[in-house]
Amino acid sequence: MDYWYLFFLLAVFLFVYIRFSIPCARKYRRIQKLIDLESFETAYELIEELSLSKYGIFAGYSTTIIKKLINLESFEAAYNLIEKIFQNKYAVLVGYPERLLPYRAFCLLNLSCYREAILVYDRIIKSFKRAAFKNKATLKYLSQLHSYKSYALRQLEEFESSLACLDEAIKYQSDSPHIWYEKAYALSGLEKYWDSIVACDRALKYQPENCDIWFLKAYNFYMLEDNRNATINCDLVLQNEPNYHMAWTQKAMIAYRSGDYRKAITYCDRALEIEPDDNYALYGKACCYALLEEIDLAIDSIEQVIDLLPEFERELLDSNQDFSNLRQNPRFQVLLDRATK
């Protein structure tokens, strides 16, 4: 009798396994294959079929697709998928959308929806601040959230709010070179150049070979009309990264300010060898050639800038005294007409 009972249980197990597990396993393999082939919409349709009974599978595969879309910089597709999940009643019931808020905010940030991204970051930060236990990883994550929010505020030109946000980020992670650099950038945007230099130095303490930080420091010295320190910091950038074209352009601006127009042109040419679309270098060359009374070369450079920037503003030609000796030139007049009013 016992043998018949065991046989019956085995038969039931085999029936359930063949009826449900094997088809599910096939479906999982198909989903994975579709993800590998980047057929994300079809994969998600299959994933939704599993959502009522297999939360772990649904969440795991959905998150994998979102991450892949973000890595491919398909931010709109990732955002649309996240919105679909937010409409999935089962996903909402088990609280899965809350786990997707960081991805939602990141997509909004990259889609230039800064105000919406800030609202999502505020929601995430609020939930993390309520947490009773905060370990080192949590504090680091809170710091990153404030940093992302600060970036969005800076894009909206709300520099004071951006700066306050970065101060919050530093409370949670004071040894992050990225956050100190972000603070230096925000301070520079507020024309607090000395404060920005101090923040640059804090960032360099943790990341001394970061060329972006050295360059920002050079720019701050340039804005303070300290050509000597601006040049020193540009040279430090170029020692580590000779092809850092913005440093060559900055050196050209320093030479231009010093009245050494030939040297400025040489630096502009070096920048343009590295980055042919450097409009600052092209505009700088135009100014230098005009001051050297090399009219045709000056106009050639202006024409290149306008070709590169169709929305180039006429005011940059009208108000620049460097171009006073070009005003009567017919070619210059044509370029004035091409520039945006």
Protein backbone atom coordinates (compact mmCIF):
# COMPACT_ATOMS: atom_id res chain seq x y z
CA MET A 1 0.00 0.00 0.00
CA ASP A 2 2.81 2.37 0.92
CA TYR A 3 4.48 1.71 -2.42
CA TRP A 4 1.32 2.62 -4.30
CA TYR A 5 1.07 5.86 -2.30
CA LEU A 6 4.68 6.79 -3.08
CA PHE A 7 4.11 5.93 -6.72
CA PHE A 8 1.06 8.21 -6.75
CA LEU A 9 3.04 11.12 -5.24
CA LEU A 10 5.81 10.61 -7.78
CA ALA A 11 3.27 10.62 -10.60
CA VAL A 12 1.73 13.87 -9.32
CA PHE A 13 5.19 15.47 -9.05
CA LEU A 14 6.10 14.40 -12.60
CA PHE A 15 2.78 15.71 -13.92
CA VAL A 16 3.27 19.13 -12.27
CA TYR A 17 6.90 19.27 -13.42
CA ILE A 18 6.06 18.41 -17.04
CA ARG A 19 2.92 20.54 -17.11
CA PHE A 20 4.32 23.71 -15.54
CA SER A 21 8.07 23.73 -14.89
CA ILE A 22 9.30 22.65 -18.33
CA PRO A 23 7.17 25.24 -20.23
CA CYS A 24 8.32 27.93 -17.74
CA ALA A 25 11.96 26.94 -18.19
CA ARG A 26 11.53 27.17 -21.97
CA LYS A 27 9.93 30.59 -21.54
CA TYR A 28 12.84 31.77 -19.36
CA ARG A 29 15.33 30.65 -21.99
CA ARG A 30 13.33 32.43 -24.67
CA ILE A 31 13.21 35.64 -22.60
CA GLN A 32 16.97 35.52 -22.06
CA LYS A 33 17.56 34.93 -25.76
CA LEU A 34 15.34 37.89 -26.68
CA ILE A 35 17.23 40.09 -24.19
CA ASP A 36 20.56 38.97 -25.68
CA LEU A 37 19.20 39.84 -29.14
CA GLU A 38 18.04 43.23 -27.76
CA SER A 39 14.39 42.45 -28.63
CA PHE A 40 13.37 44.14 -25.41
CA GLU A 41 9.68 44.83 -26.13
CA THR A 42 8.94 41.21 -27.04
CA ALA A 43 10.91 40.02 -24.02
CA TYR A 44 8.90 42.27 -21.71
CA GLU A 45 5.60 40.96 -23.09
CA LEU A 46 6.67 37.45 -22.07
CA ILE A 47 7.89 38.73 -18.70
CA GLU A 48 4.47 40.28 -17.99
CA GLU A 49 2.85 36.87 -18.47
CA LEU A 50 4.92 35.64 -15.54
CA SER A 51 4.23 38.60 -13.28
CA LEU A 52 1.19 37.08 -11.54
CA SER A 53 3.06 34.04 -10.24
CA LYS A 54 6.80 34.67 -10.50
CA TYR A 55 7.64 38.03 -8.91
CA GLY A 56 11.38 37.26 -8.67
CA ILE A 57 11.58 36.39 -12.37
CA PHE A 58 9.47 39.41 -13.36
CA ALA A 59 11.55 41.84 -11.31
CA GLY A 60 14.90 40.31 -12.26
CA TYR A 61 14.33 40.26 -16.01
CA SER A 62 12.63 43.70 -16.07
CA THR A 63 15.54 45.28 -14.21
CA THR A 64 18.01 43.58 -16.56
CA ILE A 65 16.26 45.09 -19.60
CA ILE A 66 16.18 48.57 -18.03
CA LYS A 67 19.89 48.40 -17.21
CA LYS A 68 20.72 47.25 -20.74
CA LEU A 69 18.70 50.08 -22.28
CA ILE A 70 20.45 52.61 -20.04
CA ASN A 71 23.87 51.17 -20.94
CA LEU A 72 22.89 51.54 -24.61
CA GLU A 73 21.89 55.15 -23.81
CA SER A 74 18.33 54.37 -24.94
CA PHE A 75 16.98 56.51 -22.12
CA GLU A 76 13.56 57.16 -23.68
CA ALA A 77 12.96 53.43 -24.23
CA ALA A 78 14.09 52.68 -20.65
CA TYR A 79 11.79 55.39 -19.28
CA ASN A 80 8.82 54.10 -21.29
CA LEU A 81 9.40 50.59 -19.97
CA ILE A 82 9.56 51.89 -16.40
CA GLU A 83 6.25 53.70 -16.94
CA LYS A 84 4.72 50.44 -18.19
CA ILE A 85 5.82 48.69 -15.02
CA PHE A 86 4.31 51.52 -12.97
CA GLN A 87 0.98 50.68 -14.65
CA ASN A 88 1.29 46.95 -13.90
CA LYS A 89 -1.18 46.32 -11.05
CA TYR A 90 0.72 43.30 -9.72
CA ALA A 91 4.04 45.16 -9.75
CA VAL A 92 2.45 48.05 -7.84
CA LEU A 93 0.87 45.63 -5.37
CA VAL A 94 4.25 44.13 -4.40
CA GLY A 95 6.01 47.51 -4.34
CA TYR A 96 8.33 46.85 -7.28
CA PRO A 97 8.08 50.36 -8.84
CA GLU A 98 9.75 51.86 -5.76
CA ARG A 99 12.88 49.91 -6.63
CA LEU A 100 12.85 51.51 -10.09
CA LEU A 101 12.78 55.13 -8.90
CA PRO A 102 16.60 55.61 -9.23
CA TYR A 103 16.45 54.38 -12.84
CA ARG A 104 13.44 56.61 -13.51
CA ALA A 105 15.26 59.66 -12.15
CA PHE A 106 18.42 58.84 -14.11
CA CYS A 107 16.46 58.52 -17.36
CA LEU A 108 14.68 61.83 -16.73
CA LEU A 109 18.05 63.45 -16.06
CA ASN A 110 19.43 62.21 -19.39
CA LEU A 111 16.26 63.25 -21.21
CA SER A 112 16.79 66.82 -19.89
CA CYS A 113 13.59 66.61 -17.81
CA TYR A 114 15.42 68.19 -14.89
CA ARG A 115 12.46 69.42 -12.84
CA GLU A 116 10.80 65.98 -12.98
CA ALA A 117 14.10 64.29 -12.09
CA ILE A 118 14.48 66.52 -9.02
CA LEU A 119 11.03 65.48 -7.76
CA VAL A 120 11.96 61.80 -8.07
CA TYR A 121 15.32 62.33 -6.34
CA ASP A 122 13.55 64.14 -3.49
CA ARG A 123 11.26 61.14 -3.08
CA ILE A 124 14.17 58.67 -2.97
CA ILE A 125 16.21 60.83 -0.57
CA LYS A 126 13.22 61.16 1.76
CA SER A 127 12.74 57.39 1.90
CA PHE A 128 16.44 56.77 2.62
CA LYS A 129 16.58 59.45 5.31
CA ARG A 130 13.72 57.69 7.11
CA ALA A 131 15.76 54.49 7.32
CA ALA A 132 16.65 53.65 10.92
CA PHE A 133 20.02 52.10 10.06
CA LYS A 134 22.50 53.81 7.75
CA ASN A 135 25.69 51.95 6.89
CA LYS A 136 28.60 53.28 4.84
CA ALA A 137 27.07 52.10 1.55
CA THR A 138 23.78 53.88 2.34
CA LEU A 139 25.57 57.13 3.18
CA LYS A 140 27.55 56.90 -0.07
CA TYR A 141 24.33 56.34 -2.00
CA LEU A 142 22.65 59.32 -0.31
CA SER A 143 25.65 61.42 -1.31
CA GLN A 144 25.31 60.28 -4.94
CA LEU A 145 21.59 61.11 -4.95
CA HIS A 146 22.31 64.66 -3.77
CA SER A 147 25.02 64.95 -6.40
CA TYR A 148 22.62 63.94 -9.20
CA LYS A 149 20.01 66.35 -7.88
CA SER A 150 22.63 69.10 -7.79
CA TYR A 151 23.47 68.44 -11.44
CA ALA A 152 19.81 68.83 -12.40
CA LEU A 153 19.57 72.10 -10.47
CA ARG A 154 22.72 73.38 -12.16
CA GLN A 155 21.24 72.65 -15.59
CA LEU A 156 18.30 74.81 -14.55
CA GLU A 157 20.85 77.50 -13.57
CA GLU A 158 19.73 77.34 -9.94
CA PHE A 159 23.31 77.53 -8.72
CA GLU A 160 22.63 78.41 -5.10
CA SER A 161 20.27 75.44 -4.68
CA SER A 162 22.77 73.23 -6.50
CA LEU A 163 25.50 74.33 -4.10
CA ALA A 164 23.31 73.63 -1.05
CA CYS A 165 22.62 70.17 -2.43
CA LEU A 166 26.34 69.49 -2.82
CA ASP A 167 26.96 70.58 0.78
CA GLU A 168 24.44 67.89 1.78
CA ALA A 169 26.30 65.36 -0.39
CA ILE A 170 29.60 66.23 1.32
CA LYS A 171 28.02 65.59 4.74
CA TYR A 172 27.52 61.97 3.72
CA GLN A 173 30.77 61.50 1.79
CA SER A 174 33.46 64.09 2.45
CA ASP A 175 36.24 62.21 0.63
CA SER A 176 34.62 62.11 -2.83
CA PRO A 177 36.70 63.98 -5.46
CA HIS A 178 33.70 63.97 -7.80
CA ILE A 179 31.49 65.85 -5.34
CA TRP A 180 34.20 68.40 -4.49
CA TYR A 181 34.70 68.94 -8.24
CA GLU A 182 30.96 69.42 -8.68
CA LYS A 183 31.00 71.97 -5.85
CA ALA A 184 33.95 73.78 -7.44
CA TYR A 185 32.02 73.88 -10.73
CA ALA A 186 28.91 75.30 -9.05
CA LEU A 187 30.97 77.95 -7.21
CA SER A 188 32.61 78.94 -10.48
CA GLY A 189 29.15 79.32 -12.03
CA LEU A 190 28.33 81.73 -9.19
CA GLU A 191 31.56 83.64 -9.97
CA LYS A 192 33.00 82.65 -6.56
CA TYR A 193 36.32 81.83 -8.13
CA TRP A 194 38.50 81.76 -5.00
CA ASP A 195 36.03 79.45 -3.24
CA SER A 196 36.01 77.29 -6.37
CA ILE A 197 39.82 77.05 -6.27
CA VAL A 198 39.63 75.89 -2.63
CA ALA A 199 37.09 73.21 -3.61
CA CYS A 200 39.34 72.17 -6.53
CA ASP A 201 42.22 71.69 -4.08
CA ARG A 202 40.03 69.47 -1.89
CA ALA A 203 39.13 67.38 -4.95
CA LEU A 204 42.78 67.14 -6.02
CA LYS A 205 43.70 65.86 -2.56
CA TYR A 206 41.77 62.68 -3.37
CA GLN A 207 42.38 62.58 -7.14
CA PRO A 208 45.59 64.47 -7.98
CA GLU A 209 45.79 63.37 -11.63
CA ASN A 210 42.29 64.44 -12.67
CA CYS A 211 42.80 66.84 -15.60
CA ASP A 212 39.24 68.21 -15.42
CA ILE A 213 39.91 69.52 -11.91
CA TRP A 214 43.24 71.12 -12.88
CA PHE A 215 41.57 72.73 -15.88
CA LEU A 216 38.74 74.18 -13.79
CA LYS A 217 41.35 75.57 -11.42
CA ALA A 218 43.15 77.16 -14.41
CA TYR A 219 39.88 78.68 -15.60
CA ASN A 220 39.21 80.17 -12.15
CA PHE A 221 42.66 81.80 -12.08
CA TYR A 222 42.05 83.13 -15.60
CA MET A 223 38.77 84.71 -14.48
CA LEU A 224 40.65 86.28 -11.55
CA GLU A 225 43.07 87.71 -14.16
CA ASP A 226 45.93 85.72 -12.66
CA ASN A 227 47.60 84.71 -15.92
CA ARG A 228 50.64 83.19 -14.23
CA ASN A 229 48.70 80.65 -12.14
CA ALA A 230 46.25 80.03 -14.97
CA THR A 231 49.20 79.08 -17.22
CA ILE A 232 50.79 76.89 -14.52
CA ASN A 233 47.57 74.91 -14.11
CA CYS A 234 47.03 74.58 -17.88
CA ASP A 235 50.57 73.21 -18.17
CA LEU A 236 49.83 70.69 -15.40
CA VAL A 237 46.82 69.51 -17.41
CA LEU A 238 48.89 69.15 -20.58
CA GLN A 239 51.68 67.27 -18.78
CA ASN A 240 49.17 64.52 -17.95
CA GLU A 241 47.03 64.82 -21.09
CA PRO A 242 48.73 66.55 -24.07
CA ASN A 243 45.53 66.21 -26.15
CA TYR A 244 43.31 68.09 -23.71
CA HIS A 245 42.20 70.62 -26.32
CA MET A 246 40.42 72.99 -23.90
CA ALA A 247 43.71 73.58 -22.07
CA TRP A 248 45.32 74.69 -25.36
CA THR A 249 42.35 77.00 -25.98
CA GLN A 250 42.70 78.42 -22.45
CA LYS A 251 46.42 79.05 -23.06
CA ALA A 252 45.45 80.84 -26.28
CA MET A 253 43.10 83.09 -24.31
CA ILE A 254 45.87 83.89 -21.83
CA ALA A 255 48.28 84.74 -24.68
CA TYR A 256 45.56 86.87 -26.33
CA ARG A 257 45.04 88.80 -23.09
CA SER A 258 48.81 89.36 -22.87
CA GLY A 259 48.85 90.77 -26.42
CA ASP A 260 50.88 87.88 -27.87
CA TYR A 261 48.53 87.21 -30.79
CA ARG A 262 50.92 84.99 -32.77
CA LYS A 263 51.37 82.67 -29.81
CA ALA A 264 47.61 82.67 -29.25
CA ILE A 265 47.07 81.56 -32.86
CA THR A 266 49.64 78.78 -32.39
CA TYR A 267 47.77 77.51 -29.32
CA CYS A 268 44.43 77.72 -31.15
CA ASP A 269 45.88 75.68 -34.02
CA ARG A 270 47.07 73.07 -31.52
CA ALA A 271 43.57 72.87 -30.03
CA LEU A 272 42.02 72.55 -33.50
CA GLU A 273 44.40 69.72 -34.44
CA ILE A 274 42.90 67.76 -31.54
CA GLU A 275 39.30 68.99 -31.84
CA PRO A 276 38.49 70.56 -35.25
CA ASP A 277 35.07 71.70 -33.99
CA ASP A 278 36.44 73.80 -31.11
CA ASN A 279 34.43 76.96 -31.80
CA TYR A 280 36.24 78.91 -29.03
CA ALA A 281 39.59 78.28 -30.76
CA LEU A 282 38.18 79.32 -34.14
CA TYR A 283 36.66 82.49 -32.70
CA GLY A 284 39.91 83.24 -30.87
CA LYS A 285 41.88 82.89 -34.11
CA ALA A 286 39.48 85.30 -35.81
CA CYS A 287 40.07 87.90 -33.07
CA CYS A 288 43.86 87.52 -33.27
CA TYR A 289 44.01 87.68 -37.06
CA ALA A 290 41.79 90.79 -37.03
CA LEU A 291 44.09 92.51 -34.51
CA LEU A 292 47.09 91.56 -36.68
CA GLU A 293 45.18 93.09 -39.64
CA GLU A 294 45.24 89.80 -41.54
CA ILE A 295 41.72 90.44 -42.78
CA ASP A 296 41.12 87.45 -45.07
CA LEU A 297 42.35 84.96 -42.47
CA ALA A 298 40.18 86.60 -39.81
CA ILE A 299 37.09 86.37 -42.02
CA ASP A 300 37.92 82.76 -42.93
CA SER A 301 37.93 81.88 -39.23
CA ILE A 302 34.63 83.69 -38.62
CA GLU A 303 33.09 81.82 -41.54
CA GLN A 304 34.22 78.50 -40.04
CA VAL A 305 32.59 79.41 -36.72
CA ILE A 306 29.28 80.28 -38.40
CA ASP A 307 29.41 77.06 -40.46
CA LEU A 308 29.95 75.15 -37.23
CA LEU A 309 27.32 77.05 -35.23
CA PRO A 310 24.27 77.96 -37.38
CA GLU A 311 22.80 79.87 -34.39
CA PHE A 312 25.93 81.98 -33.90
CA GLU A 313 24.74 85.36 -32.59
CA ARG A 314 25.37 88.49 -34.64
CA GLU A 315 26.03 90.46 -31.45
CA LEU A 316 29.33 88.56 -31.02
CA LEU A 317 30.47 90.16 -34.28
CA ASP A 318 28.81 93.56 -33.86
CA SER A 319 29.98 94.26 -30.31
CA ASN A 320 33.53 92.88 -30.56
CA GLN A 321 35.96 95.77 -31.03
CA ASP A 322 38.58 93.34 -32.37
CA PHE A 323 36.58 93.26 -35.59
CA SER A 324 36.36 97.04 -36.08
CA ASN A 325 38.76 96.92 -39.04
CA LEU A 326 36.54 94.30 -40.75
CA ARG A 327 33.32 96.31 -40.71
CA GLN A 328 33.58 97.66 -44.24
CA ASN A 329 34.68 94.38 -45.80
CA PRO A 330 31.95 92.93 -48.10
CA ARG A 331 32.71 89.35 -46.96
CA PHE A 332 32.26 90.39 -43.34
CA GLN A 333 28.91 92.01 -44.18
CA VAL A 334 27.72 88.75 -45.75
CA LEU A 335 28.70 86.89 -42.57
CA LEU A 336 26.82 89.45 -40.47
CA ASP A 337 23.68 88.69 -42.48
CA ARG A 338 24.20 84.96 -41.93
CA ALA A 339 24.53 85.28 -38.15
CA THR A 340 21.44 85.02 -35.94
CA LYS A 341 19.87 88.37 -35.08
